Protein backbone atom coordinates (compact mmCIF):
# COMPACT_ATOMS: atom_id res chain seq x y z
CA MET A 1 -31.20 -56.71 5.52
CA LYS A 2 -29.91 -53.47 4.01
CA LYS A 3 -30.70 -51.60 7.23
CA ILE A 4 -28.77 -54.18 9.30
CA LEU A 5 -25.76 -53.95 6.93
CA TYR A 6 -25.80 -50.12 7.08
CA ALA A 7 -25.95 -50.14 10.89
CA THR A 8 -23.07 -52.60 11.06
CA LEU A 9 -20.89 -50.45 8.80
CA MET A 10 -21.61 -47.35 10.85
CA MET A 11 -20.66 -49.16 14.06
CA LEU A 12 -17.34 -50.25 12.52
CA LEU A 13 -16.63 -46.70 11.39
CA LEU A 14 -17.27 -45.33 14.87
CA VAL A 15 -14.91 -47.91 16.35
CA VAL A 16 -12.15 -46.98 13.88
CA VAL A 17 -12.53 -43.26 14.56
CA SER A 18 -12.70 -43.64 18.34
CA CYS A 19 -9.61 -45.84 18.39
CA ARG A 20 -7.43 -43.48 16.29
CA ASP A 21 -3.88 -43.50 17.58
CA GLU A 22 -2.92 -39.80 17.65
CA SER A 23 0.74 -40.70 18.11
CA LEU A 24 0.75 -41.68 14.44
CA TYR A 25 0.22 -38.01 13.51
CA PRO A 26 3.54 -36.18 14.03
CA LEU A 27 2.11 -32.65 13.65
CA PRO A 28 -0.13 -31.42 16.49
CA TYR A 29 -2.69 -29.78 14.24
CA ASP A 30 -5.19 -29.23 17.02
CA ASP A 31 -2.63 -27.61 19.34
CA ARG A 32 -0.59 -25.59 16.86
CA THR A 33 0.54 -22.04 17.68
CA THR A 34 -0.12 -19.53 14.93
CA GLY A 35 1.80 -16.37 14.18
CA ALA A 36 0.80 -12.89 13.07
CA TYR A 37 1.77 -10.21 10.59
CA LEU A 38 1.21 -6.50 9.94
CA ARG A 39 -0.28 -5.66 6.58
CA MET A 40 0.52 -2.26 5.05
CA TYR A 41 -3.07 -1.77 3.95
CA SER A 42 -2.66 1.70 2.44
CA VAL A 43 0.54 3.75 2.08
CA SER A 44 0.01 7.51 1.82
CA SER A 45 3.62 8.64 1.55
CA ASN A 46 6.91 7.60 0.01
CA VAL A 47 8.79 10.89 0.36
CA PHE A 48 9.96 13.55 2.79
CA ASP A 49 9.56 17.00 1.24
CA LEU A 50 12.65 19.17 1.84
CA ASN A 51 10.56 22.30 1.27
CA ASP A 52 8.14 21.35 4.05
CA LEU A 53 9.64 18.87 6.51
CA ASN A 54 7.20 20.02 9.19
CA ASN A 55 4.37 18.45 7.18
CA SER A 56 6.26 15.40 5.91
CA GLY A 57 6.05 11.90 7.33
CA PHE A 58 5.79 8.17 6.87
CA ASP A 59 2.02 7.67 6.83
CA VAL A 60 0.43 4.20 6.62
CA VAL A 61 -2.84 2.48 7.46
CA TRP A 62 -1.86 -0.79 9.15
CA GLU A 63 -3.90 -3.95 9.56
CA SER A 64 -3.02 -6.38 12.33
CA VAL A 65 -3.64 -9.97 11.26
CA ASP A 66 -3.79 -12.91 13.69
CA PRO A 67 -6.30 -15.67 14.59
CA ASN A 68 -8.09 -13.30 16.99
CA GLY A 69 -8.89 -10.61 14.47
CA GLY A 70 -5.68 -8.72 15.14
CA LYS A 71 -6.34 -8.33 18.84
CA ASP A 72 -3.22 -10.26 19.86
CA LEU A 73 -1.14 -7.18 19.04
CA GLN A 74 0.56 -5.47 22.00
CA GLU A 75 2.65 -2.79 20.27
CA ILE A 76 4.77 -1.90 17.24
CA ARG A 77 8.35 -0.67 17.59
CA PHE A 78 9.57 1.46 14.69
CA TYR A 79 13.29 1.81 13.96
CA VAL A 80 14.90 4.20 11.50
CA SER A 81 18.21 4.40 9.60
CA HIS A 82 19.66 7.01 7.27
CA ARG A 83 21.41 6.25 3.99
CA ARG A 84 23.32 8.76 1.85
CA GLY A 85 25.05 7.20 -1.11
CA THR A 86 26.77 4.09 0.24
CA GLY A 87 26.91 5.39 3.82
CA LEU A 88 24.43 3.78 6.23
CA THR A 89 23.91 4.74 9.88
CA ASN A 90 22.99 2.41 12.68
CA GLU A 91 19.25 2.10 13.30
CA VAL A 92 17.59 3.78 16.27
CA LEU A 93 14.16 3.43 17.86
CA VAL A 94 12.02 6.31 16.65
CA LYS A 95 8.55 5.43 17.94
CA THR A 96 6.61 2.79 19.86
CA VAL A 97 2.88 2.57 19.18
CA ASP A 98 0.62 0.49 21.42
CA ALA A 99 -2.36 -1.43 20.08
CA SER A 100 -5.01 0.79 21.63
CA GLY A 101 -5.36 2.78 18.40
CA PHE A 102 -6.28 -0.27 16.33
CA GLN A 103 -10.03 -0.41 15.79
CA PRO A 104 -12.53 -2.54 13.81
CA VAL A 105 -13.12 -1.37 10.26
CA ALA A 106 -16.36 0.41 9.44
CA GLN A 107 -18.73 -1.42 7.12
CA PRO A 108 -19.07 -2.20 4.31
CA THR A 109 -15.86 -4.19 4.34
CA ILE A 110 -14.63 -7.74 4.12
CA SER A 111 -11.90 -7.19 6.72
CA GLU A 112 -12.13 -9.17 9.94
CA TYR A 113 -9.09 -7.42 11.41
CA VAL A 114 -8.40 -4.16 13.21
CA ARG A 115 -6.68 -1.20 11.56
CA ALA A 116 -4.92 2.00 12.59
CA ARG A 117 -3.41 4.97 10.78
CA ILE A 118 0.08 5.74 12.06
CA ARG A 119 2.23 8.68 11.02
CA ILE A 120 5.90 9.05 11.91
CA THR A 121 6.81 12.65 11.17
CA ALA A 122 10.04 13.85 9.57
CA ASN A 123 10.80 15.84 12.71
CA GLU A 124 10.50 12.69 14.85
CA VAL A 125 12.90 10.95 12.48
CA LEU A 126 15.42 13.81 12.62
CA THR A 127 15.32 13.86 16.43
CA ALA A 128 16.01 10.12 16.57
CA LEU A 129 18.75 10.17 13.92
CA ASN A 130 20.58 13.00 15.64
CA THR A 131 21.30 10.65 18.55
CA ILE A 132 23.56 8.53 16.29
CA THR A 133 27.15 9.60 16.80
CA ALA A 134 29.88 9.33 14.18
CA ASP A 135 31.32 5.91 13.36
CA PRO A 136 28.99 3.86 15.61
CA ASP A 137 30.83 0.58 14.99
CA GLY A 138 34.34 2.00 15.36
CA ALA A 139 35.35 0.32 12.12
CA GLY A 140 34.16 2.86 9.59
CA LEU A 141 31.63 0.45 8.11
CA LEU A 142 28.62 2.25 9.53
CA VAL A 143 28.56 6.05 9.58
CA GLY A 144 27.16 8.72 11.83
CA PHE A 145 24.17 10.82 10.89
CA PRO A 146 25.43 13.99 9.14
CA GLY A 147 22.90 16.17 10.98
CA ASN A 148 20.75 17.19 8.01
CA LEU A 149 18.78 15.87 5.08
CA ILE A 150 19.49 16.53 1.40
CA ALA A 151 17.80 15.45 -1.82
CA ALA A 152 18.14 11.74 -2.65
CA ASP A 153 18.78 10.73 0.97
CA GLN A 154 16.94 7.59 2.03
CA ILE A 155 15.13 7.01 5.30
CA VAL A 156 14.92 3.27 6.00
CA PHE A 157 12.19 2.15 8.40
CA ARG A 158 12.02 -1.25 10.08
CA TRP A 159 9.38 -2.32 12.54
CA VAL A 160 8.94 -5.06 15.12
CA GLN A 161 5.49 -6.46 15.83
CA VAL A 162 5.06 -7.43 19.49
CA LEU A 163 2.23 -9.73 20.58
CA LYS A 164 0.65 -9.87 24.02
CA ASP A 165 2.32 -13.21 24.71
CA GLY A 166 5.74 -11.61 24.17
CA ARG A 167 6.48 -13.04 20.74
CA THR A 168 7.94 -10.65 18.15
CA PHE A 169 7.94 -10.64 14.35
CA SER A 170 10.27 -8.70 12.07
CA VAL A 171 13.03 -8.97 9.45
CA LEU A 172 16.79 -8.63 9.64
CA ASN A 173 17.93 -5.05 10.11
CA PRO A 174 19.72 -3.42 7.13
CA GLN A 175 22.93 -2.91 9.15
CA ALA A 176 23.50 -6.68 9.06
CA ALA A 177 24.62 -6.41 5.45
CA VAL A 178 27.25 -3.79 6.35
CA ASN A 179 28.57 -5.04 9.70
CA SER A 180 27.53 -8.48 10.92
CA ALA A 181 28.26 -7.43 14.52
CA PHE A 182 25.19 -5.18 14.32
CA ALA A 183 22.89 -7.90 12.96
CA LYS A 184 19.73 -8.45 15.01
CA THR A 185 19.32 -12.04 13.94
CA ALA A 186 17.03 -12.91 16.84
CA GLU A 187 14.38 -10.57 15.45
CA ALA A 188 14.51 -11.93 11.89
CA ASN A 189 11.79 -14.57 11.81
CA MET A 190 9.51 -13.59 8.90
CA THR A 191 9.61 -15.66 5.71
CA PRO A 192 9.81 -14.33 2.14
CA ASN A 193 6.31 -15.67 1.56
CA ILE A 194 5.03 -13.03 3.99
CA THR A 195 7.44 -10.17 3.36
CA GLY A 196 7.36 -10.46 -0.42
CA GLY A 197 3.83 -11.72 -0.95
CA GLN A 198 1.41 -9.33 -2.60
CA PHE A 199 -1.50 -10.70 -0.58
CA TYR A 200 0.26 -10.23 2.76
CA SER A 201 1.84 -6.84 1.95
CA ALA A 202 3.96 -7.09 5.11
CA PRO A 203 7.61 -6.33 4.25
CA TYR A 204 8.54 -5.09 7.76
CA THR A 205 10.87 -2.56 6.14
CA TYR A 206 10.21 0.45 3.93
CA THR A 207 12.34 3.19 2.36
CA VAL A 208 11.27 6.83 2.10
CA VAL A 209 13.17 9.14 -0.28
CA VAL A 210 14.03 12.79 0.48
CA ARG A 211 13.22 15.26 -2.32
CA SER A 212 11.62 18.64 -2.99
CA LEU A 213 8.21 19.68 -4.29
CA LEU A 214 7.62 23.22 -5.52
CA ALA A 215 5.70 25.09 -2.84
CA ASP A 216 1.98 25.37 -3.68
CA SER A 217 2.46 23.52 -6.98
CA TRP A 218 -0.38 21.42 -8.40
CA THR A 219 -3.07 23.33 -6.54
CA GLY A 220 -5.94 25.42 -7.87
CA ASN A 221 -8.38 24.89 -10.73
CA PHE A 222 -7.81 22.21 -13.37
CA SER A 223 -9.71 20.72 -16.27
CA LEU A 224 -10.05 16.94 -15.99
CA THR A 225 -10.41 14.59 -18.95
CA GLN A 226 -10.55 10.81 -19.08
CA THR A 227 -8.07 10.17 -21.88
CA ALA A 228 -8.06 6.37 -21.98
CA VAL A 229 -9.70 3.28 -20.52
CA TRP A 230 -8.70 -0.34 -20.95
CA SER A 231 -9.11 -3.72 -19.33
CA ARG A 232 -6.25 -4.90 -17.17
CA GLU A 233 -6.72 -8.49 -18.37
CA HIS A 234 -6.69 -7.73 -22.10
CA ASN A 235 -3.98 -7.15 -24.65
CA ALA A 236 -4.49 -5.17 -27.85
CA GLU A 237 -5.71 -8.16 -29.83
CA LEU A 238 -8.38 -8.96 -27.28
CA HIS A 239 -9.32 -5.31 -26.98
CA SER A 240 -9.79 -5.13 -30.70
CA LEU A 241 -11.95 -8.24 -30.90
CA ALA A 242 -13.72 -8.72 -27.60
CA PHE A 243 -13.82 -5.54 -25.54
CA PRO A 244 -17.46 -5.10 -24.44
CA SER A 245 -18.71 -1.73 -25.64
CA ARG A 246 -20.55 -1.17 -22.34
CA LEU A 247 -17.19 -0.96 -20.59
CA ASN A 248 -15.76 1.61 -22.99
CA GLN A 249 -17.38 4.63 -21.43
CA LYS A 250 -16.48 7.77 -19.51
CA TYR A 251 -16.51 6.90 -15.84
CA PHE A 252 -15.10 10.39 -15.25
CA PRO A 253 -16.93 12.90 -17.51
CA ASP A 254 -15.06 16.00 -18.71
CA GLN A 255 -15.15 18.53 -15.89
CA ASN A 256 -13.27 21.16 -13.90
CA VAL A 257 -11.91 20.33 -10.45
CA THR A 258 -10.11 22.21 -7.68
CA LEU A 259 -6.98 20.65 -6.17
CA THR A 260 -6.16 21.59 -2.58
CA LYS A 261 -3.69 20.51 0.05
CA VAL A 262 -5.13 18.04 2.57
CA THR A 263 -6.00 19.55 5.93
CA GLY A 264 -3.79 17.82 8.47
CA GLY A 265 -2.21 15.82 5.65
CA LEU A 266 1.24 15.63 4.16
CA SER A 267 2.80 18.45 2.13
CA THR A 268 2.81 16.26 -1.00
CA GLU A 269 -0.85 15.22 -0.74
CA ARG A 270 -3.60 16.74 -2.88
CA GLU A 271 -7.33 16.12 -2.92
CA PHE A 272 -10.27 17.16 -5.06
CA THR A 273 -13.96 16.43 -5.57
CA VAL A 274 -14.67 14.70 -8.85
CA SER A 275 -17.76 13.51 -10.73
CA TYR A 276 -17.48 9.72 -11.01
CA ARG A 277 -20.14 7.20 -12.03
CA GLY A 278 -22.83 9.80 -11.48
CA SER A 279 -21.72 10.84 -7.98
CA ASN A 280 -19.53 13.63 -6.62
CA VAL A 281 -16.77 11.99 -4.59
CA LYS A 282 -13.35 12.89 -3.18
CA MET A 283 -10.07 11.55 -4.55
CA ARG A 284 -6.73 11.84 -2.73
CA ILE A 285 -3.36 11.61 -4.49
CA ASN A 286 0.28 12.11 -3.53
CA MET A 287 3.07 13.66 -5.60
CA GLU A 288 5.93 11.14 -5.29
CA ASN A 289 9.21 11.61 -7.19
CA GLY A 290 7.45 12.25 -10.49
CA LEU A 291 4.87 9.51 -9.84
CA VAL A 292 1.27 10.37 -9.00
CA TRP A 293 0.67 7.95 -6.15
CA LEU A 294 -2.88 6.73 -5.55
CA PRO A 295 -3.28 5.00 -2.17
CA VAL A 296 -5.95 2.31 -1.87
CA GLN A 297 -9.14 4.22 -1.19
CA SER A 298 -12.89 3.85 -1.33
CA SER A 299 -14.69 5.89 -3.95
CA THR A 300 -17.75 5.62 -1.63
CA VAL A 301 -19.85 4.68 -4.71
CA PRO A 302 -21.67 1.36 -4.12
CA CYS A 303 -21.74 -1.44 -6.65
CA PRO A 304 -24.94 -1.44 -8.72
CA GLY A 305 -27.44 -3.73 -7.01
CA ASN A 306 -25.07 -4.53 -4.13
CA THR A 307 -24.72 -1.73 -1.59
CA THR A 308 -22.54 -3.90 0.67
CA ARG A 309 -19.68 -3.46 -1.79
CA ILE A 310 -17.97 -0.28 -2.94
CA PHE A 311 -15.91 0.69 -5.97
CA TYR A 312 -12.32 1.02 -4.74
CA TRP A 313 -9.41 2.78 -6.44
CA GLN A 314 -5.82 1.57 -6.50
CA LEU A 315 -2.47 2.62 -8.01
CA PRO A 316 -1.75 0.56 -11.15
CA PRO A 317 1.46 -1.47 -11.36
CA PRO A 318 4.40 -0.28 -13.49
CA GLY A 319 4.16 -0.86 -17.22
CA SER A 320 2.03 0.33 -20.09
CA PHE A 321 -0.59 -0.67 -22.61
CA ASN A 322 0.63 -0.85 -26.20
CA PRO A 323 -1.95 -1.26 -28.98
CA GLY A 324 0.77 -1.97 -31.55
CA ALA A 325 -0.58 -1.85 -35.08
CA PHE A 326 -4.20 -2.22 -33.99
CA THR A 327 -6.70 0.61 -34.37
CA LEU A 328 -8.93 0.34 -31.34
CA PRO A 329 -12.41 1.78 -30.75
CA ALA A 330 -12.58 5.39 -29.62
CA GLY A 331 -11.87 5.77 -25.91
CA LEU A 332 -9.33 2.95 -25.86
CA PRO A 333 -5.59 3.75 -26.05
CA GLN A 334 -4.42 4.56 -29.55
CA ALA A 335 -0.74 4.81 -28.55
CA ASN A 336 1.59 3.44 -25.88
CA THR A 337 -0.07 4.49 -22.62
CA PRO A 338 1.67 4.25 -19.22
CA ASN A 339 -0.31 2.52 -16.52
CA ARG A 340 0.73 5.02 -13.88
CA GLY A 341 0.26 8.77 -13.78
CA ALA A 342 3.15 11.24 -13.76
CA TYR A 343 3.94 14.91 -13.08
CA SER A 344 6.95 17.23 -13.31
CA ASN A 345 8.86 18.37 -10.21
CA THR A 346 9.57 21.69 -11.93
CA ALA A 347 6.00 22.50 -12.99
CA GLY A 348 2.55 22.87 -11.48
CA LEU A 349 2.33 26.64 -11.05
CA ALA A 350 1.63 27.91 -14.58
CA VAL A 351 -1.53 27.82 -16.67
CA GLY A 352 -1.35 24.89 -19.07
CA ASP A 353 0.81 22.71 -16.81
CA SER A 354 -0.63 19.20 -16.79
CA PHE A 355 -0.20 15.82 -15.15
CA THR A 356 -1.84 12.41 -15.39
CA ILE A 357 -3.40 10.04 -12.86
CA GLY A 358 -3.53 6.28 -13.40
CA VAL A 359 -6.49 4.57 -11.71
CA ASP A 360 -7.18 0.89 -11.29
CA ASP A 361 -10.94 1.16 -10.96
CA ASP A 362 -13.10 -1.44 -9.21
CA ALA A 363 -10.52 -2.99 -6.92
CA ASP A 364 -11.61 -4.23 -3.47
CA GLU A 365 -10.77 -3.14 0.09
CA TYR A 366 -7.26 -4.57 -0.26
CA GLY A 367 -6.61 -3.11 -3.69
CA ARG A 368 -6.71 -6.50 -5.37
CA ARG A 369 -7.34 -5.89 -9.04
CA ASN A 370 -10.06 -8.46 -9.48
CA GLY A 371 -13.16 -6.57 -10.55
CA TYR A 372 -14.90 -6.24 -7.19
CA CYS A 373 -18.22 -5.02 -8.58
CA ASP A 374 -18.12 -5.79 -12.28
CA TRP A 375 -15.09 -5.87 -14.58
CA GLY A 376 -11.97 -4.14 -13.29
CA MET A 377 -10.81 -1.28 -15.51
CA ARG A 378 -7.65 0.80 -15.86
CA ILE A 379 -8.28 4.51 -16.47
CA GLN A 380 -6.02 7.42 -17.31
CA LEU A 381 -6.98 10.98 -16.37
CA ARG A 382 -5.28 14.17 -17.52
CA LEU A 383 -5.54 17.34 -15.44
CA THR A 384 -4.52 20.70 -16.93
CA LYS A 385 -4.12 23.88 -14.90
CA LEU A 386 -6.60 26.65 -15.80
């Protein structure tokens, strides 16, 4: 009897499913068209160096994201504007990059999408900007490019993602806020969820600042010391009471390192080989307006017991750790400690000059601070010129 009842119920269910009236469902879920976005996976530069424009540029590793693993991408069109004080130029096309350079990511990785490193040099930007004549709108709202770059100038990039089916994705150009007649409203179709979301990391616009770095500064031999380590998730009270002693250790032992400019890199980039978790690995940093920038990068050291995952490094967010009145175990911060590293624009040549590097250790391929291998840590390093 139970078998007959079960069979009857199954027959009724099949009838209900087969007779579903799809007109009752207003959204065509099975036939929907999906969009795409361009993730700024790793940004190597935020500045143009006035002392070395020939080796300055806007350098980014891009990840194309769409339902086909990023392969719907046709090309990217990059536009550039110049801002000095309150004066903004019109934007001009500086470079078009086709999708042929986007390739699958080498393992180990969790990315299902293709990536490419694209650099737009300062000289390419200057060539494009010099085509903008004075008073492009005839109303004095937008200005012409003055013909040179000076400290504190801003280079504003905007890009348009073009898919193979002809659809484009971008944001409103910055000139729209100055003169509505120059607004490219038809290209502005990305939502704040995408452009402002940390997960998506796809703003479709980016500003590079013009400044100077002392020639050959922050190169040569340095002593390196891990001065502090703390958990990103813990405040001082939790550190004092519940910080596991196994995490309070020197991931970077005291050592001497040699900082060099990056071959084929930007003038503000430096790299060095460092002893980390028992391995000798390379770290790359960028000197950015007093901030020591740490692009998302693989340390190449695998997670213990899981060689398919790697310890990744990432730049910490702004802010600091403050222990307050608590006396913490040795190795943990004993005073207010900035999350991010810093250097001086007027130093870096003399013995004794020092700077710090802030490292979010054990991120993942996207720099998410979630403890990819174990328990994500925040580390401060101090390097002093020998």
